[in-house]
Each structure stands twice: as structure tokens, then as C-alpha cells.
Amino acid sequence: MAHEADEEWYGEDEVTPQGGRRRRAPLILGLILVAVLVVAAAGVGYFWFFADKSIAAPTPEAAANGDMAPPDKALLTDLLATQQKTSADIEALNQSVAAQEEQLKAMSDQLSALTSRVDALQSATAQPAPPPPAPPEARAQVVPKRTTKKPSHASRPAGPVSVGGAPLRTTPDANGR
């Protein structure tokens, strides 16, 4: 009989003695909260343990004093040489850019001068001098109109006429059409 009661309540929330249902969601949320707190505490402990053992970066003053190990000294001198070479390269690039900007400005000035000359030439050819007015005597002359005889229309063809380009038969059909 107890087995039947288990099957009956399978998949449903349990009922508390007060009449309400017990929910499983708070239990799951509580477990997740505990897991997050454990992970956070582990992270804080790890940081606390290794915080005092951080590696100090060597300074150029320390390299000059000889406080560094030989491999570190070689690495630092290589880095300083690379930094100087890079700054020289950047300076050369800046000079190249300045020269190109000067060339671009000169070409721009030449282009604007040519454009103004072309505009001046176009305006000069666009406004031709008006022709002088005709003398009043030429206007008074009347030119007689020529009368020409229009050609007469040719006589209309007699016989069959093709419409639409279809060939015409000149002999009567055997059917009589």
C-alpha cells in the first residue's frame, strides 16, 4: 500500500502540513549560491598567496648600477637599441610624410591654376561676338517664290495587291478561290 502512494505522488511537489506546497527551487538556488561563494573564496586565497611574490620589472637605473643578472642586462640593452632604432625610423617616416604633403600642395596649386585657365578659355569661346545688324536695304528686298510643279501621282496598279508581304498568286486556284 505504501508503494501505491509513492506512485501516486511521483512527479508532484509534496504538500506541507500547513497545506502549502514545498518547492525545490529555493534548495537549488541555495546550492548554486554556496558553489559561487566557494569559488570566490578560492580566488581570493590564490591572489592573497601570490600577491607578495610579484615580479618587479627591471629599470634602466638598475641595469646601469649592475644590480641585474647578465641575461637581463643583455635583454635590456637589446630593448634599448631596438627602441632607438624604432624612434629613428619614426622620425624618417615623419620627414617622408612632410615631403609628400609639400608635393601634394604644389600639385594642388598647379591643378587649381590650370582649372582657372580652362574656365577662362571656355568662357571666352562660349560668348562669340554678335553678328553686325543687316542693313535696312537688304530687309526690304522681297525674294519671289518659285513655283514648281509637283509630280502627279502614278496611276494605281490594277490587279491583286499584297497585304503584309504575302506572295500573290497570279493564276486562279484549282478550288476556284
Protein backbone atom coordinates (compact mmCIF):
# COMPACT_ATOMS: atom_id res chain seq x y z
CA MET A 1 0.00 0.00 0.00
CA ALA A 2 2.88 2.35 0.66
CA HIS A 3 4.14 1.56 -2.81
CA GLU A 4 0.88 2.74 -4.37
CA ALA A 5 1.11 6.04 -2.50
CA ASP A 6 4.64 6.60 -3.87
CA GLU A 7 3.41 6.08 -7.43
CA GLU A 8 0.53 8.43 -6.78
CA TRP A 9 2.83 11.30 -5.67
CA TYR A 10 5.54 10.67 -8.28
CA GLY A 11 6.42 13.86 -10.14
CA GLU A 12 4.39 16.14 -7.88
CA ASP A 13 5.57 18.51 -5.15
CA GLU A 14 5.00 17.40 -1.59
CA VAL A 15 2.29 19.04 0.49
CA THR A 16 3.40 20.55 3.81
CA PRO A 17 1.33 20.10 6.99
CA GLN A 18 0.22 23.74 6.74
CA GLY A 19 -1.44 22.98 3.41
CA GLY A 20 1.07 24.71 1.11
CA ARG A 21 3.36 23.03 -1.38
CA ARG A 22 7.08 22.72 -0.74
CA ARG A 23 9.14 23.99 -3.60
CA ARG A 24 12.50 22.66 -4.73
CA ALA A 25 13.66 25.93 -6.35
CA PRO A 26 15.00 27.52 -3.11
CA LEU A 27 17.06 24.42 -2.45
CA ILE A 28 18.65 24.57 -5.91
CA LEU A 29 19.32 28.31 -5.61
CA GLY A 30 20.94 27.78 -2.21
CA LEU A 31 23.30 25.15 -3.64
CA ILE A 32 24.29 27.45 -6.51
CA LEU A 33 24.96 30.29 -4.06
CA VAL A 34 27.20 28.09 -1.93
CA ALA A 35 29.15 26.96 -5.01
CA VAL A 36 29.71 30.57 -6.14
CA LEU A 37 30.93 31.56 -2.66
CA VAL A 38 33.39 28.63 -2.59
CA VAL A 39 34.85 29.63 -5.97
CA ALA A 40 35.15 33.28 -4.90
CA ALA A 41 36.90 32.31 -1.66
CA ALA A 42 39.36 30.14 -3.60
CA GLY A 43 40.16 33.04 -5.95
CA VAL A 44 40.76 35.44 -3.07
CA GLY A 45 43.03 32.91 -1.34
CA TYR A 46 45.05 32.34 -4.52
CA PHE A 47 45.52 36.09 -5.07
CA TRP A 48 46.48 36.64 -1.42
CA PHE A 49 49.06 33.86 -1.57
CA PHE A 50 50.79 35.13 -4.74
CA ALA A 51 50.35 38.92 -4.28
CA ASP A 52 53.62 39.40 -2.39
CA LYS A 53 55.61 37.30 -4.89
CA SER A 54 55.03 39.56 -7.91
CA ILE A 55 57.95 40.07 -10.28
CA ALA A 56 59.37 43.57 -10.28
CA ALA A 57 60.20 44.97 -13.70
CA PRO A 58 63.87 45.96 -14.10
CA THR A 59 64.54 49.66 -14.61
CA PRO A 60 67.30 51.23 -16.71
CA GLU A 61 68.83 52.62 -13.50
CA ALA A 62 69.11 49.12 -12.07
CA ALA A 63 70.83 47.95 -15.26
CA ALA A 64 73.31 50.82 -15.06
CA ASN A 65 74.10 50.04 -11.43
CA GLY A 66 74.83 46.39 -12.22
CA ASP A 67 72.08 45.06 -9.96
CA MET A 68 70.75 42.78 -12.70
CA ALA A 69 71.73 39.32 -13.86
CA PRO A 70 73.80 39.10 -17.10
CA PRO A 71 70.93 37.73 -19.27
CA ASP A 72 68.70 40.57 -18.07
CA LYS A 73 71.39 43.14 -18.89
CA ALA A 74 71.74 41.79 -22.43
CA LEU A 75 67.99 41.79 -22.91
CA LEU A 76 67.69 45.34 -21.62
CA THR A 77 70.45 46.64 -23.90
CA ASP A 78 68.79 44.92 -26.87
CA LEU A 79 65.48 46.53 -25.97
CA LEU A 80 67.06 49.98 -25.66
CA ALA A 81 68.80 49.59 -29.05
CA THR A 82 65.52 48.50 -30.64
CA GLN A 83 63.74 51.48 -29.10
CA GLN A 84 66.32 53.90 -30.51
CA LYS A 85 66.11 52.29 -33.96
CA THR A 86 62.33 52.50 -33.88
CA SER A 87 62.37 56.16 -32.91
CA ALA A 88 64.81 56.89 -35.78
CA ASP A 89 62.51 55.02 -38.20
CA ILE A 90 59.51 57.02 -36.98
CA GLU A 91 61.40 60.28 -37.48
CA ALA A 92 62.32 59.26 -41.05
CA LEU A 93 58.68 58.39 -41.77
CA ASN A 94 57.54 61.76 -40.40
CA GLN A 95 60.01 63.55 -42.71
CA SER A 96 58.80 61.49 -45.67
CA VAL A 97 55.17 62.33 -44.90
CA ALA A 98 56.02 66.05 -44.65
CA ALA A 99 57.77 65.95 -48.05
CA GLN A 100 54.80 64.19 -49.63
CA GLU A 101 52.42 66.77 -48.16
CA GLU A 102 54.51 69.56 -49.71
CA GLN A 103 54.43 67.83 -53.11
CA LEU A 104 50.68 67.32 -52.81
CA LYS A 105 50.17 71.01 -52.01
CA ALA A 106 52.29 72.04 -55.02
CA MET A 107 50.30 69.75 -57.32
CA SER A 108 47.04 71.07 -55.88
CA ASP A 109 48.14 74.65 -56.59
CA GLN A 110 49.08 73.72 -60.17
CA LEU A 111 45.74 71.99 -60.67
CA SER A 112 43.79 75.00 -59.43
CA ALA A 113 45.79 77.31 -61.75
CA LEU A 114 45.07 75.05 -64.74
CA THR A 115 41.40 74.85 -63.82
CA SER A 116 41.09 78.62 -63.71
CA ARG A 117 42.80 78.92 -67.12
CA VAL A 118 40.45 76.32 -68.64
CA ASP A 119 37.44 78.15 -67.20
CA ALA A 120 38.70 81.44 -68.67
CA LEU A 121 39.18 79.84 -72.11
CA GLN A 122 35.72 78.24 -72.02
CA SER A 123 34.05 81.50 -71.09
CA ALA A 124 35.88 83.28 -73.92
CA THR A 125 34.70 80.75 -76.55
CA ALA A 126 31.20 80.48 -75.12
CA GLN A 127 30.42 84.16 -75.80
CA PRO A 128 31.11 84.83 -79.51
CA ALA A 129 30.71 88.36 -80.81
CA PRO A 130 27.20 89.00 -82.10
CA PRO A 131 26.96 89.46 -85.90
CA PRO A 132 26.53 93.05 -87.10
CA PRO A 133 22.95 94.03 -87.90
CA ALA A 134 21.92 93.72 -91.53
CA PRO A 135 21.49 96.96 -93.47
CA PRO A 136 17.87 98.11 -93.86
CA GLU A 137 18.01 97.81 -97.66
CA ALA A 138 18.51 94.05 -97.54
CA ARG A 139 15.40 93.61 -95.48
CA ALA A 140 13.26 95.49 -98.00
CA GLN A 141 14.02 93.20 -100.87
CA VAL A 142 11.46 90.51 -101.42
CA VAL A 143 12.57 87.30 -102.93
CA PRO A 144 10.00 85.91 -105.36
CA LYS A 145 8.78 82.43 -104.54
CA ARG A 146 9.46 79.71 -107.02
CA THR A 147 6.57 77.71 -108.16
CA THR A 148 7.36 74.17 -109.00
CA LYS A 149 5.02 71.61 -110.36
CA LYS A 150 4.52 68.70 -108.06
CA PRO A 151 4.82 65.35 -109.73
CA SER A 152 1.46 63.76 -110.36
CA HIS A 153 0.70 60.54 -108.59
CA ALA A 154 1.24 57.47 -110.66
CA SER A 155 -1.85 55.57 -111.64
CA ARG A 156 -2.93 52.92 -109.25
CA PRO A 157 -1.87 49.39 -110.11
CA ALA A 158 -4.51 47.16 -111.49
CA GLY A 159 -4.63 43.62 -110.19
CA PRO A 160 -4.04 41.88 -106.92
CA VAL A 161 -2.33 43.82 -104.10
CA SER A 162 -0.26 42.09 -101.40
CA VAL A 163 -1.08 42.94 -97.79
CA GLY A 164 1.50 42.08 -95.15
CA GLY A 165 4.10 40.80 -97.59
CA ALA A 166 2.32 37.56 -98.53
CA PRO A 167 3.08 36.29 -102.06
CA LEU A 168 0.29 36.74 -104.60
CA ARG A 169 -0.86 34.08 -106.97
CA THR A 170 -1.36 35.17 -110.46
CA THR A 171 -3.17 32.03 -111.65
CA PRO A 172 -6.57 31.06 -110.36
CA ASP A 173 -6.70 28.27 -107.81
CA ALA A 174 -7.98 24.85 -108.67
CA ASN A 175 -10.62 25.24 -105.96
CA GLY A 176 -11.93 28.41 -107.53
CA ARG A 177 -10.86 30.82 -104.92
